[in-house]
């Protein structure tokens, strides 16, 4: 009806999206060969999660495949340390945070900020995975295994002050190929999580969704992939 033909690269024929997209190719999103071969026959590529390796994104860019979001934007969804730095540079609200590489640095952060603190792996965490609460300086040593793994990967961990809150808000923003931007109504997900203490009925947005435009190269797509 919209004139858009969807194609899918999935790791398994049993994947949920593969059940509804007839033109499904089986492959590994972590494989440069699988993804570039799949992308050779589509007009634009997108992803349903942020864990795509940088080398795959670079290979798609190198072969001229339109990629949305691009690697320069996806970085901030992939790496929480990069995200915190970007938010700080933009002057937006941020909890107190620091990149920490040792238990001693974690203790220093907690002593300065106040306990408990939240410790996160910069990459790979989601919905509680890669997140732990450190209650006190005495319990900081329990995170030594995380620091060991981070050192092997050549990165640190993200320490944040623990912020009390009562609900989670979600928002969705879409941008067209010609720079039109639409913000949809924000709402509060009605599901409990490890960090959400309560949820509220879906609130109404203070204003209706609006369109904004930004300069962008004209373009359109007929086929897209996920």
N, C-alpha and C. Protein backbone atom coordinates (compact mmCIF):
# COMPACT_ATOMS: atom_id res chain seq x y z
N UNK A 1 0.83 -1.20 0.00
CA UNK A 1 0.00 0.00 0.00
C UNK A 1 0.87 1.26 0.00
N UNK A 2 1.99 1.24 0.71
CA UNK A 2 2.88 2.39 0.75
C UNK A 2 3.94 2.33 -0.34
N UNK A 3 3.98 1.25 -1.09
CA UNK A 3 4.98 1.12 -2.12
C UNK A 3 6.35 0.80 -1.60
N UNK A 4 6.43 0.27 -0.39
CA UNK A 4 7.71 -0.10 0.22
C UNK A 4 7.76 -1.61 0.39
N UNK A 5 8.77 -2.22 -0.18
CA UNK A 5 8.95 -3.66 -0.06
C UNK A 5 9.99 -3.92 1.03
N UNK A 6 9.61 -4.66 2.06
CA UNK A 6 10.52 -4.97 3.15
C UNK A 6 11.25 -6.27 2.89
N UNK A 7 12.53 -6.28 3.21
CA UNK A 7 13.33 -7.48 3.19
C UNK A 7 14.04 -7.60 4.53
N UNK A 8 14.28 -8.81 4.95
CA UNK A 8 14.79 -9.04 6.29
C UNK A 8 16.00 -9.95 6.28
N UNK A 9 17.00 -9.58 7.06
CA UNK A 9 18.12 -10.48 7.37
C UNK A 9 17.90 -10.96 8.79
N UNK A 10 17.69 -12.25 8.97
CA UNK A 10 17.39 -12.80 10.29
C UNK A 10 18.32 -13.95 10.60
N UNK A 11 18.57 -14.14 11.89
CA UNK A 11 19.45 -15.22 12.30
C UNK A 11 18.79 -16.58 12.27
N UNK A 12 17.45 -16.59 12.21
CA UNK A 12 16.71 -17.85 12.24
C UNK A 12 15.38 -17.67 11.53
N UNK A 13 14.91 -18.74 10.91
CA UNK A 13 13.60 -18.71 10.27
C UNK A 13 12.49 -18.60 11.30
N UNK A 14 12.81 -18.90 12.57
CA UNK A 14 11.82 -18.80 13.64
C UNK A 14 11.75 -17.40 14.25
N UNK A 15 12.60 -16.47 13.81
CA UNK A 15 12.57 -15.11 14.34
C UNK A 15 11.19 -14.50 14.10
N UNK A 16 10.73 -13.68 15.03
CA UNK A 16 9.36 -13.15 14.94
C UNK A 16 9.13 -12.38 13.65
N UNK A 17 10.09 -11.54 13.25
CA UNK A 17 9.90 -10.75 12.03
C UNK A 17 9.87 -11.64 10.80
N UNK A 18 10.60 -12.76 10.84
CA UNK A 18 10.62 -13.68 9.70
C UNK A 18 9.26 -14.33 9.47
N UNK A 19 8.41 -14.32 10.50
CA UNK A 19 7.09 -14.91 10.37
C UNK A 19 6.15 -14.05 9.53
N UNK A 20 6.48 -12.76 9.39
CA UNK A 20 5.57 -11.85 8.69
C UNK A 20 6.20 -11.18 7.47
N UNK A 21 7.49 -11.35 7.25
CA UNK A 21 8.16 -10.78 6.08
C UNK A 21 8.55 -11.92 5.16
N UNK A 22 7.87 -12.07 4.03
CA UNK A 22 8.13 -13.22 3.15
C UNK A 22 9.57 -13.28 2.62
N UNK A 23 10.14 -12.12 2.27
CA UNK A 23 11.47 -12.11 1.67
C UNK A 23 12.52 -11.99 2.78
N UNK A 24 12.77 -13.12 3.42
CA UNK A 24 13.73 -13.18 4.53
C UNK A 24 14.96 -13.95 4.11
N UNK A 25 16.12 -13.39 4.39
CA UNK A 25 17.41 -14.05 4.15
C UNK A 25 18.01 -14.42 5.50
N UNK A 26 18.48 -15.65 5.61
CA UNK A 26 19.11 -16.07 6.86
C UNK A 26 20.58 -15.69 6.86
N UNK A 27 21.02 -15.09 7.95
CA UNK A 27 22.40 -14.66 8.06
C UNK A 27 22.67 -14.07 9.43
N UNK A 28 23.90 -13.66 9.65
CA UNK A 28 24.34 -13.14 10.94
C UNK A 28 24.61 -11.65 10.83
N UNK A 29 23.95 -10.84 11.64
CA UNK A 29 24.15 -9.39 11.57
C UNK A 29 25.56 -8.98 11.97
N UNK A 30 26.32 -9.89 12.60
CA UNK A 30 27.70 -9.60 12.99
C UNK A 30 28.70 -9.93 11.88
N UNK A 31 28.23 -10.53 10.79
CA UNK A 31 29.09 -10.95 9.70
C UNK A 31 29.11 -9.89 8.59
N UNK A 32 30.30 -9.36 8.29
CA UNK A 32 30.42 -8.39 7.21
C UNK A 32 29.95 -8.99 5.90
N UNK A 33 30.33 -10.24 5.64
CA UNK A 33 29.96 -10.89 4.38
C UNK A 33 28.45 -11.06 4.26
N UNK A 34 27.80 -11.52 5.32
CA UNK A 34 26.35 -11.74 5.27
C UNK A 34 25.60 -10.43 5.06
N UNK A 35 25.99 -9.41 5.80
CA UNK A 35 25.25 -8.15 5.74
C UNK A 35 25.49 -7.42 4.42
N UNK A 36 26.72 -7.35 3.95
CA UNK A 36 26.98 -6.63 2.70
C UNK A 36 26.36 -7.34 1.50
N UNK A 37 26.36 -8.68 1.51
CA UNK A 37 25.71 -9.41 0.43
C UNK A 37 24.20 -9.15 0.43
N UNK A 38 23.60 -9.16 1.60
CA UNK A 38 22.18 -8.88 1.73
C UNK A 38 21.86 -7.46 1.27
N UNK A 39 22.70 -6.49 1.66
CA UNK A 39 22.44 -5.09 1.37
C UNK A 39 22.65 -4.73 -0.10
N UNK A 40 23.33 -5.59 -0.85
CA UNK A 40 23.63 -5.27 -2.24
C UNK A 40 22.37 -5.16 -3.09
N UNK A 41 21.26 -5.73 -2.63
CA UNK A 41 20.05 -5.76 -3.45
C UNK A 41 18.90 -4.96 -2.84
N UNK A 42 19.22 -4.04 -1.92
CA UNK A 42 18.18 -3.19 -1.34
C UNK A 42 18.57 -1.73 -1.49
N UNK A 43 17.62 -0.85 -1.28
CA UNK A 43 17.86 0.59 -1.46
C UNK A 43 18.35 1.28 -0.19
N UNK A 44 17.93 0.78 0.96
CA UNK A 44 18.31 1.40 2.23
C UNK A 44 18.29 0.34 3.31
N UNK A 45 19.17 0.46 4.30
CA UNK A 45 19.29 -0.52 5.37
C UNK A 45 19.07 0.17 6.72
N UNK A 46 18.34 -0.51 7.60
CA UNK A 46 18.21 -0.08 8.98
C UNK A 46 18.30 -1.30 9.88
N UNK A 47 18.32 -1.08 11.19
CA UNK A 47 18.48 -2.17 12.14
C UNK A 47 17.44 -2.06 13.24
N UNK A 48 17.09 -3.19 13.83
CA UNK A 48 16.09 -3.15 14.91
C UNK A 48 16.74 -3.14 16.29
N UNK A 49 18.07 -3.09 16.35
CA UNK A 49 18.78 -2.92 17.63
C UNK A 49 20.12 -2.28 17.33
N UNK A 50 20.81 -1.86 18.40
CA UNK A 50 22.01 -1.07 18.23
C UNK A 50 23.31 -1.86 18.32
N UNK A 51 23.25 -3.19 18.40
CA UNK A 51 24.44 -3.98 18.69
C UNK A 51 25.20 -4.43 17.44
N UNK A 52 25.01 -3.75 16.34
CA UNK A 52 25.70 -4.12 15.10
C UNK A 52 27.16 -3.66 15.19
N UNK A 53 28.12 -4.56 14.93
CA UNK A 53 29.54 -4.19 15.07
C UNK A 53 29.93 -3.04 14.14
N UNK A 54 30.88 -2.23 14.59
CA UNK A 54 31.32 -1.07 13.82
C UNK A 54 31.87 -1.49 12.46
N UNK A 55 32.57 -2.64 12.39
CA UNK A 55 33.14 -3.06 11.11
C UNK A 55 32.06 -3.37 10.07
N UNK A 56 30.89 -3.82 10.53
CA UNK A 56 29.78 -4.07 9.61
C UNK A 56 29.23 -2.74 9.09
N UNK A 57 29.07 -1.78 9.98
CA UNK A 57 28.58 -0.46 9.57
C UNK A 57 29.55 0.21 8.61
N UNK A 58 30.85 0.09 8.90
CA UNK A 58 31.86 0.69 8.03
C UNK A 58 31.84 0.05 6.65
N UNK A 59 31.64 -1.27 6.60
CA UNK A 59 31.61 -1.97 5.31
C UNK A 59 30.41 -1.53 4.48
N UNK A 60 29.27 -1.34 5.12
CA UNK A 60 28.08 -0.86 4.40
C UNK A 60 28.31 0.54 3.85
N UNK A 61 28.91 1.40 4.66
CA UNK A 61 29.20 2.76 4.22
C UNK A 61 30.18 2.75 3.05
N UNK A 62 31.19 1.89 3.14
CA UNK A 62 32.21 1.82 2.09
C UNK A 62 31.65 1.37 0.76
N UNK A 63 30.63 0.50 0.79
CA UNK A 63 30.06 0.04 -0.48
C UNK A 63 28.93 0.95 -0.97
N UNK A 64 28.70 2.05 -0.25
CA UNK A 64 27.73 3.04 -0.72
C UNK A 64 26.29 2.74 -0.38
N UNK A 65 26.04 1.86 0.58
CA UNK A 65 24.68 1.52 0.97
C UNK A 65 24.10 2.61 1.87
N UNK A 66 22.97 3.21 1.52
CA UNK A 66 22.33 4.17 2.44
C UNK A 66 21.97 3.47 3.75
N UNK A 67 22.40 4.05 4.86
CA UNK A 67 22.25 3.42 6.16
C UNK A 67 21.64 4.42 7.13
N UNK A 68 20.48 4.05 7.69
CA UNK A 68 19.78 4.95 8.63
C UNK A 68 19.34 4.17 9.86
N UNK A 69 19.80 4.58 11.06
CA UNK A 69 20.73 5.68 11.29
C UNK A 69 22.14 5.32 10.89
N UNK A 70 22.95 6.32 10.62
CA UNK A 70 24.32 6.09 10.21
C UNK A 70 25.20 5.75 11.39
N UNK A 71 26.42 5.28 11.14
CA UNK A 71 27.34 4.90 12.22
C UNK A 71 27.61 6.03 13.20
N UNK A 72 27.65 7.27 12.70
CA UNK A 72 27.97 8.39 13.58
C UNK A 72 26.85 8.65 14.58
N UNK A 73 25.61 8.28 14.24
CA UNK A 73 24.49 8.43 15.17
C UNK A 73 24.32 7.19 16.04
N UNK A 74 24.52 6.02 15.43
CA UNK A 74 24.33 4.76 16.16
C UNK A 74 25.32 4.62 17.32
N UNK A 75 26.46 5.28 17.21
CA UNK A 75 27.48 5.21 18.26
C UNK A 75 26.90 5.56 19.63
N UNK A 76 26.01 6.55 19.67
CA UNK A 76 25.51 7.03 20.96
C UNK A 76 24.46 6.09 21.57
N UNK A 77 23.91 5.20 20.76
CA UNK A 77 23.06 4.14 21.29
C UNK A 77 23.89 2.94 21.69
N UNK A 78 25.04 2.77 21.07
CA UNK A 78 25.89 1.61 21.34
C UNK A 78 26.76 1.80 22.58
N UNK A 79 27.22 3.01 22.82
CA UNK A 79 28.23 3.26 23.84
C UNK A 79 27.71 4.29 24.85
N UNK A 80 27.45 3.85 26.07
CA UNK A 80 26.89 4.75 27.08
C UNK A 80 27.86 5.84 27.50
N UNK A 81 29.16 5.55 27.47
CA UNK A 81 30.13 6.59 27.79
C UNK A 81 30.12 7.69 26.74
N UNK A 82 30.06 7.29 25.46
CA UNK A 82 29.97 8.28 24.38
C UNK A 82 28.68 9.09 24.51
N UNK A 83 27.60 8.42 24.87
CA UNK A 83 26.32 9.10 25.04
C UNK A 83 26.38 10.14 26.15
N UNK A 84 26.95 9.76 27.31
CA UNK A 84 27.05 10.70 28.43
C UNK A 84 27.90 11.92 28.04
N UNK A 85 29.01 11.69 27.34
CA UNK A 85 29.85 12.81 26.91
C UNK A 85 29.10 13.73 25.97
N UNK A 86 28.32 13.16 25.05
CA UNK A 86 27.57 13.97 24.09
C UNK A 86 26.49 14.79 24.80
N UNK A 87 25.79 14.17 25.75
CA UNK A 87 24.76 14.89 26.49
C UNK A 87 25.37 16.05 27.27
N UNK A 88 26.54 15.80 27.84
CA UNK A 88 27.23 16.86 28.59
C UNK A 88 27.65 17.99 27.68
N UNK A 89 28.19 17.66 26.51
CA UNK A 89 28.62 18.69 25.57
C UNK A 89 27.46 19.53 25.07
N UNK A 90 26.28 18.94 24.99
CA UNK A 90 25.08 19.67 24.55
C UNK A 90 24.46 20.50 25.67
N UNK A 91 24.98 20.36 26.88
CA UNK A 91 24.45 21.12 27.99
C UNK A 91 23.11 20.63 28.48
N UNK A 92 22.80 19.36 28.25
CA UNK A 92 21.52 18.78 28.67
C UNK A 92 21.67 18.16 30.06
N UNK A 93 20.55 17.94 30.76
CA UNK A 93 20.63 17.35 32.11
C UNK A 93 21.28 15.97 32.08
N UNK A 94 22.15 15.74 33.03
CA UNK A 94 22.88 14.48 33.15
C UNK A 94 22.99 14.16 34.65
N UNK A 95 22.93 12.90 35.03
CA UNK A 95 23.31 12.58 36.41
C UNK A 95 24.82 12.76 36.55
N UNK A 96 25.29 12.84 37.79
CA UNK A 96 26.74 12.82 37.98
C UNK A 96 27.25 11.48 37.47
N UNK A 97 28.33 11.50 36.69
CA UNK A 97 28.84 10.27 36.11
C UNK A 97 30.35 10.37 35.95
N UNK A 98 30.97 9.21 35.71
CA UNK A 98 32.41 9.17 35.46
C UNK A 98 32.76 7.85 34.81
N UNK A 99 33.78 7.87 33.97
CA UNK A 99 34.37 6.64 33.47
C UNK A 99 35.33 6.13 34.55
N UNK A 100 35.15 4.90 34.98
CA UNK A 100 35.98 4.33 36.03
C UNK A 100 36.65 3.07 35.52
N UNK A 101 37.91 2.87 35.93
CA UNK A 101 38.68 1.74 35.42
C UNK A 101 39.13 0.78 36.51
N UNK A 102 38.95 1.16 37.76
CA UNK A 102 39.38 0.33 38.88
C UNK A 102 38.38 0.44 40.02
N UNK A 103 38.45 -0.51 40.94
CA UNK A 103 37.61 -0.44 42.13
C UNK A 103 37.91 0.82 42.92
N UNK A 104 39.18 1.23 42.97
CA UNK A 104 39.55 2.45 43.70
C UNK A 104 38.88 3.67 43.10
N UNK A 105 38.83 3.76 41.77
CA UNK A 105 38.17 4.89 41.13
C UNK A 105 36.67 4.86 41.39
N UNK A 106 36.08 3.67 41.42
CA UNK A 106 34.67 3.55 41.75
C UNK A 106 34.39 4.04 43.17
N UNK A 107 35.26 3.66 44.10
CA UNK A 107 35.09 4.11 45.49
C UNK A 107 35.22 5.64 45.59
N UNK A 108 36.18 6.20 44.88
CA UNK A 108 36.33 7.65 44.90
C UNK A 108 35.07 8.34 44.37
N UNK A 109 34.51 7.79 43.30
CA UNK A 109 33.28 8.37 42.73
C UNK A 109 32.14 8.29 43.73
N UNK A 110 31.98 7.11 44.34
CA UNK A 110 30.89 6.94 45.30
C UNK A 110 31.04 7.83 46.53
N UNK A 111 32.27 7.98 47.00
CA UNK A 111 32.50 8.84 48.16
C UNK A 111 32.18 10.29 47.83
N UNK A 112 32.47 10.72 46.59
CA UNK A 112 32.21 12.10 46.20
C UNK A 112 30.73 12.34 45.90
N UNK A 113 30.08 11.36 45.26
CA UNK A 113 28.71 11.53 44.79
C UNK A 113 27.68 11.10 45.84
N UNK A 114 28.04 10.09 46.61
CA UNK A 114 27.11 9.50 47.57
C UNK A 114 26.69 8.11 47.14
N UNK A 115 26.56 7.23 48.12
CA UNK A 115 26.16 5.85 47.85
C UNK A 115 24.64 5.71 48.06
N UNK A 116 24.02 4.76 47.34
CA UNK A 116 24.58 3.83 46.35
C UNK A 116 24.83 4.52 45.01
N UNK A 117 25.60 3.82 44.15
CA UNK A 117 25.83 4.30 42.79
C UNK A 117 25.45 3.18 41.82
N UNK A 118 25.24 3.56 40.58
CA UNK A 118 24.91 2.61 39.51
C UNK A 118 26.14 2.39 38.65
N UNK A 119 26.49 1.14 38.44
CA UNK A 119 27.64 0.78 37.61
C UNK A 119 27.13 0.08 36.35
N UNK A 120 27.61 0.53 35.18
CA UNK A 120 27.11 0.00 33.91
C UNK A 120 28.27 -0.37 32.99
N UNK A 121 28.06 -1.42 32.20
CA UNK A 121 28.97 -1.70 31.10
C UNK A 121 28.62 -0.73 29.97
N UNK A 122 29.59 -0.09 29.33
CA UNK A 122 29.27 0.89 28.29
C UNK A 122 28.53 0.29 27.10
N UNK A 123 28.83 -0.95 26.77
CA UNK A 123 28.22 -1.58 25.59
C UNK A 123 27.52 -2.89 25.98
N UNK A 124 26.48 -3.20 25.26
CA UNK A 124 25.83 -4.51 25.38
C UNK A 124 24.75 -4.61 26.43
N UNK A 125 24.60 -3.61 27.30
CA UNK A 125 23.58 -3.71 28.33
C UNK A 125 22.23 -3.22 27.86
N UNK A 126 21.18 -3.79 28.45
CA UNK A 126 19.82 -3.38 28.10
C UNK A 126 18.84 -3.97 29.08
N UNK A 127 17.87 -3.15 29.53
CA UNK A 127 16.81 -3.61 30.44
C UNK A 127 17.37 -4.36 31.65
N UNK A 128 18.36 -3.79 32.29
CA UNK A 128 18.92 -4.39 33.50
C UNK A 128 20.18 -5.20 33.26
N UNK A 129 20.37 -5.70 32.06
CA UNK A 129 21.60 -6.44 31.75
C UNK A 129 22.76 -5.45 31.68
N UNK A 130 23.88 -5.79 32.30
CA UNK A 130 25.02 -4.89 32.29
C UNK A 130 24.86 -3.73 33.24
N UNK A 131 23.96 -3.86 34.24
CA UNK A 131 23.72 -2.81 35.22
C UNK A 131 23.72 -3.44 36.61
N UNK A 132 24.42 -2.83 37.55
CA UNK A 132 24.38 -3.31 38.91
C UNK A 132 24.44 -2.12 39.88
N UNK A 133 23.81 -2.29 41.02
CA UNK A 133 23.80 -1.27 42.06
C UNK A 133 24.91 -1.59 43.06
N UNK A 134 25.79 -0.63 43.30
CA UNK A 134 26.85 -0.77 44.29
C UNK A 134 26.42 0.04 45.51
N UNK A 135 26.14 -0.64 46.60
CA UNK A 135 25.52 0.01 47.75
C UNK A 135 26.48 0.83 48.60
N UNK A 136 27.74 0.43 48.63
CA UNK A 136 28.67 1.10 49.54
C UNK A 136 30.10 0.90 49.07
N UNK A 137 31.00 1.64 49.69
CA UNK A 137 32.42 1.49 49.37
C UNK A 137 32.89 0.07 49.66
N UNK A 138 32.37 -0.52 50.72
CA UNK A 138 32.78 -1.87 51.09
C UNK A 138 32.38 -2.90 50.05
N UNK A 139 31.26 -2.67 49.36
CA UNK A 139 30.78 -3.65 48.38
C UNK A 139 31.32 -3.41 46.98
N UNK A 140 32.13 -2.37 46.80
CA UNK A 140 32.65 -2.05 45.47
C UNK A 140 33.54 -3.15 44.91
N UNK A 141 34.23 -3.86 45.78
CA UNK A 141 35.14 -4.91 45.32
C UNK A 141 34.41 -6.04 44.62
N UNK A 142 33.08 -6.15 44.84
CA UNK A 142 32.30 -7.21 44.17
C UNK A 142 32.26 -7.01 42.67
N UNK A 143 32.61 -5.81 42.20
CA UNK A 143 32.59 -5.52 40.77
C UNK A 143 33.94 -5.76 40.10
N UNK A 144 34.89 -6.39 40.82
CA UNK A 144 36.23 -6.58 40.25
C UNK A 144 36.18 -7.37 38.95
N UNK A 145 35.28 -8.36 38.86
CA UNK A 145 35.21 -9.16 37.63
C UNK A 145 34.80 -8.30 36.44
N UNK A 146 33.92 -7.32 36.67
CA UNK A 146 33.54 -6.42 35.59
C UNK A 146 34.72 -5.57 35.14
N UNK A 147 35.50 -5.09 36.09
CA UNK A 147 36.67 -4.29 35.72
C UNK A 147 37.70 -5.14 34.96
N UNK A 148 37.84 -6.41 35.34
CA UNK A 148 38.77 -7.30 34.64
C UNK A 148 38.35 -7.47 33.18
N UNK A 149 37.05 -7.70 32.96
CA UNK A 149 36.57 -7.86 31.58
C UNK A 149 36.71 -6.56 30.80
N UNK A 150 36.42 -5.44 31.44
CA UNK A 150 36.55 -4.16 30.76
C UNK A 150 37.99 -3.89 30.36
N UNK A 151 38.93 -4.27 31.21
CA UNK A 151 40.34 -4.07 30.90
C UNK A 151 40.76 -4.92 29.71
N UNK A 152 40.23 -6.13 29.62
CA UNK A 152 40.53 -7.00 28.47
C UNK A 152 40.00 -6.39 27.18
N UNK A 153 38.89 -5.65 27.28
CA UNK A 153 38.28 -5.03 26.10
C UNK A 153 38.84 -3.65 25.81
N UNK A 154 39.73 -3.17 26.69
CA UNK A 154 40.34 -1.87 26.48
C UNK A 154 39.42 -0.70 26.77
N UNK A 155 38.49 -0.88 27.68
CA UNK A 155 37.56 0.20 28.02
C UNK A 155 37.37 0.25 29.53
N UNK A 156 36.65 1.24 29.99
CA UNK A 156 36.30 1.33 31.39
C UNK A 156 34.84 1.02 31.59
N UNK A 157 34.32 1.34 32.77
CA UNK A 157 32.91 1.19 33.09
C UNK A 157 32.32 2.57 33.35
N UNK A 158 31.01 2.65 33.32
CA UNK A 158 30.30 3.91 33.57
C UNK A 158 29.71 3.88 34.97
N UNK A 159 30.10 4.84 35.80
CA UNK A 159 29.53 4.99 37.14
C UNK A 159 28.61 6.21 37.13
N UNK A 160 27.42 6.05 37.69
CA UNK A 160 26.44 7.14 37.73
C UNK A 160 25.84 7.25 39.13
N UNK A 161 25.46 8.46 39.50
CA UNK A 161 24.71 8.59 40.74
C UNK A 161 23.35 7.92 40.56
N UNK A 162 22.82 7.36 41.62
CA UNK A 162 21.53 6.69 41.57
C UNK A 162 20.43 7.74 41.72
N UNK A 163 19.62 7.87 40.71
CA UNK A 163 18.57 8.89 40.67
C UNK A 163 17.24 8.26 41.06
N UNK A 164 16.56 8.77 42.07
CA UNK A 164 15.22 8.24 42.38
C UNK A 164 14.20 8.74 41.36
N UNK A 165 13.37 7.84 40.88
CA UNK A 165 12.31 8.24 39.96
C UNK A 165 11.16 7.26 40.09
N UNK A 166 10.00 7.66 39.61
CA UNK A 166 8.80 6.86 39.81
C UNK A 166 8.22 6.29 38.53
N UNK A 167 8.66 6.77 37.38
CA UNK A 167 8.14 6.20 36.14
C UNK A 167 9.12 6.43 35.00
N UNK A 168 8.96 5.65 33.97
CA UNK A 168 9.78 5.73 32.77
C UNK A 168 8.94 6.34 31.67
N UNK A 169 9.50 7.28 30.94
CA UNK A 169 8.81 7.90 29.81
C UNK A 169 9.47 7.46 28.51
N UNK A 170 8.66 7.16 27.52
CA UNK A 170 9.17 6.76 26.21
C UNK A 170 8.66 7.73 25.15
N UNK A 171 9.50 7.97 24.16
CA UNK A 171 9.11 8.85 23.06
C UNK A 171 9.69 8.31 21.77
N UNK A 172 9.01 8.56 20.68
CA UNK A 172 9.48 8.11 19.37
C UNK A 172 9.51 9.30 18.42
N UNK A 173 10.63 9.44 17.71
CA UNK A 173 10.79 10.51 16.74
C UNK A 173 11.22 9.88 15.43
N UNK A 174 10.57 10.27 14.35
CA UNK A 174 10.90 9.73 13.02
C UNK A 174 11.37 10.86 12.12
N UNK A 175 12.34 10.57 11.28
CA UNK A 175 12.86 11.55 10.33
C UNK A 175 12.83 10.96 8.94
N UNK A 176 12.33 11.71 7.98
CA UNK A 176 12.27 11.24 6.60
C UNK A 176 13.60 11.48 5.91
N UNK A 177 13.73 10.94 4.69
CA UNK A 177 14.97 11.08 3.93
C UNK A 177 15.21 12.52 3.49
N UNK A 178 14.17 13.36 3.51
CA UNK A 178 14.33 14.75 3.10
C UNK A 178 14.34 15.69 4.31
N UNK A 179 14.46 15.15 5.52
CA UNK A 179 14.66 15.98 6.68
C UNK A 179 13.42 16.33 7.47
N UNK A 180 12.26 15.82 7.11
CA UNK A 180 11.06 16.06 7.89
C UNK A 180 11.13 15.24 9.18
N UNK A 181 10.77 15.84 10.29
CA UNK A 181 10.85 15.18 11.59
C UNK A 181 9.48 15.20 12.25
N UNK A 182 9.05 14.05 12.75
CA UNK A 182 7.78 13.99 13.45
C UNK A 182 7.98 13.36 14.82
N UNK A 183 7.51 14.03 15.85
CA UNK A 183 7.56 13.52 17.22
C UNK A 183 6.19 13.00 17.60
N UNK A 184 6.13 11.75 18.03
CA UNK A 184 4.87 11.13 18.42
C UNK A 184 4.65 11.30 19.92
N UNK A 185 3.45 11.04 20.35
CA UNK A 185 3.09 11.25 21.75
C UNK A 185 3.97 10.40 22.67
N UNK A 186 4.44 11.04 23.74
CA UNK A 186 5.22 10.31 24.74
C UNK A 186 4.27 9.61 25.70
N UNK A 187 4.76 8.55 26.31
CA UNK A 187 3.91 7.78 27.21
C UNK A 187 4.75 7.06 28.24
N UNK A 188 4.09 6.49 29.24
CA UNK A 188 4.76 5.78 30.31
C UNK A 188 4.46 4.29 30.16
N UNK A 189 5.48 3.46 29.86
CA UNK A 189 5.23 2.03 29.65
C UNK A 189 4.62 1.38 30.88
N UNK A 190 3.54 0.63 30.72
CA UNK A 190 2.85 0.01 31.87
C UNK A 190 3.45 -1.32 32.27
N UNK A 191 4.79 -1.38 32.36
CA UNK A 191 5.42 -2.63 32.77
C UNK A 191 6.47 -2.33 33.81
N UNK A 192 6.58 -3.15 34.84
CA UNK A 192 7.61 -2.92 35.85
C UNK A 192 8.97 -3.35 35.34
N UNK A 193 10.01 -2.67 35.80
CA UNK A 193 11.39 -3.07 35.49
C UNK A 193 12.17 -3.08 36.79
N UNK A 194 13.43 -3.48 36.68
CA UNK A 194 14.27 -3.53 37.87
C UNK A 194 14.50 -2.15 38.47
N UNK A 195 14.39 -1.11 37.63
CA UNK A 195 14.71 0.23 38.11
C UNK A 195 13.49 1.15 38.22
N UNK A 196 12.33 0.72 37.74
CA UNK A 196 11.14 1.56 37.80
C UNK A 196 10.30 1.13 38.99
N UNK A 197 10.01 2.04 39.88
CA UNK A 197 9.29 1.69 41.10
C UNK A 197 7.78 1.70 40.91
N UNK A 198 7.29 2.46 39.96
CA UNK A 198 5.86 2.46 39.67
C UNK A 198 5.65 3.02 38.29
N UNK A 199 4.47 2.80 37.74
CA UNK A 199 4.15 3.34 36.43
C UNK A 199 2.80 4.00 36.50
N UNK A 200 2.54 4.88 35.55
CA UNK A 200 1.30 5.63 35.53
C UNK A 200 0.58 5.38 34.22
N UNK A 201 -0.73 5.65 34.16
CA UNK A 201 -1.42 5.56 32.88
C UNK A 201 -0.77 6.48 31.87
N UNK A 202 -0.94 6.16 30.62
CA UNK A 202 -0.33 6.94 29.56
C UNK A 202 -0.75 8.40 29.63
N UNK A 203 0.21 9.32 29.79
CA UNK A 203 -0.15 10.73 29.83
C UNK A 203 -0.34 11.30 28.44
N UNK A 204 -1.05 12.37 28.33
CA UNK A 204 -1.22 13.04 27.05
C UNK A 204 -0.08 14.03 26.83
N UNK A 205 0.33 14.14 25.58
CA UNK A 205 1.37 15.12 25.25
C UNK A 205 0.79 16.51 25.39
N UNK A 206 1.61 17.47 25.81
CA UNK A 206 1.11 18.82 25.99
C UNK A 206 0.70 19.49 24.69
N UNK A 207 1.29 19.07 23.57
CA UNK A 207 0.93 19.63 22.28
C UNK A 207 0.84 18.51 21.27
N UNK A 208 0.07 18.68 20.19
CA UNK A 208 -0.03 17.63 19.16
C UNK A 208 1.31 17.43 18.47
N UNK A 209 1.50 16.27 17.84
CA UNK A 209 2.73 16.04 17.07
C UNK A 209 2.88 17.11 15.99
N UNK A 210 4.10 17.52 15.73
CA UNK A 210 4.34 18.55 14.71
C UNK A 210 5.45 18.10 13.79
N UNK A 211 5.47 18.70 12.63
CA UNK A 211 6.53 18.44 11.66
C UNK A 211 7.55 19.57 11.72
N UNK A 212 8.81 19.21 11.64
CA UNK A 212 9.88 20.18 11.49
C UNK A 212 10.74 19.73 10.33
N UNK A 213 11.43 20.63 9.70
CA UNK A 213 12.32 20.26 8.61
C UNK A 213 13.72 20.75 8.89
N UNK A 214 14.67 19.94 8.41
CA UNK A 214 16.08 20.31 8.48
C UNK A 214 16.68 20.07 7.11
N UNK A 215 17.72 20.80 6.74
CA UNK A 215 18.35 20.56 5.45
C UNK A 215 18.84 19.13 5.33
N UNK A 216 18.55 18.52 4.23
CA UNK A 216 19.02 17.16 3.99
C UNK A 216 19.04 16.91 2.51
N UNK A 217 19.85 15.98 2.07
CA UNK A 217 19.90 15.65 0.65
C UNK A 217 18.63 14.95 0.25
N UNK A 218 17.99 15.37 -0.84
CA UNK A 218 16.76 14.70 -1.27
C UNK A 218 17.02 13.23 -1.50
N UNK A 219 16.02 12.43 -1.26
CA UNK A 219 16.17 11.00 -1.49
C UNK A 219 14.89 10.29 -1.15
N UNK A 220 14.72 9.12 -1.67
CA UNK A 220 13.55 8.31 -1.35
C UNK A 220 13.95 6.86 -1.44
N UNK A 221 13.13 6.01 -0.89
CA UNK A 221 13.45 4.58 -0.93
C UNK A 221 12.21 3.80 -1.28
N UNK A 222 12.38 2.76 -2.05
CA UNK A 222 11.28 1.87 -2.37
C UNK A 222 11.39 0.59 -1.60
N UNK A 223 12.60 0.09 -1.46
CA UNK A 223 12.82 -1.13 -0.71
C UNK A 223 13.64 -0.79 0.53
N UNK A 224 13.32 -1.39 1.62
CA UNK A 224 14.11 -1.17 2.82
C UNK A 224 14.32 -2.50 3.49
N UNK A 225 15.34 -2.54 4.34
CA UNK A 225 15.65 -3.80 5.03
C UNK A 225 15.83 -3.52 6.49
N UNK A 226 15.64 -4.56 7.28
CA UNK A 226 15.79 -4.42 8.73
C UNK A 226 16.60 -5.56 9.26
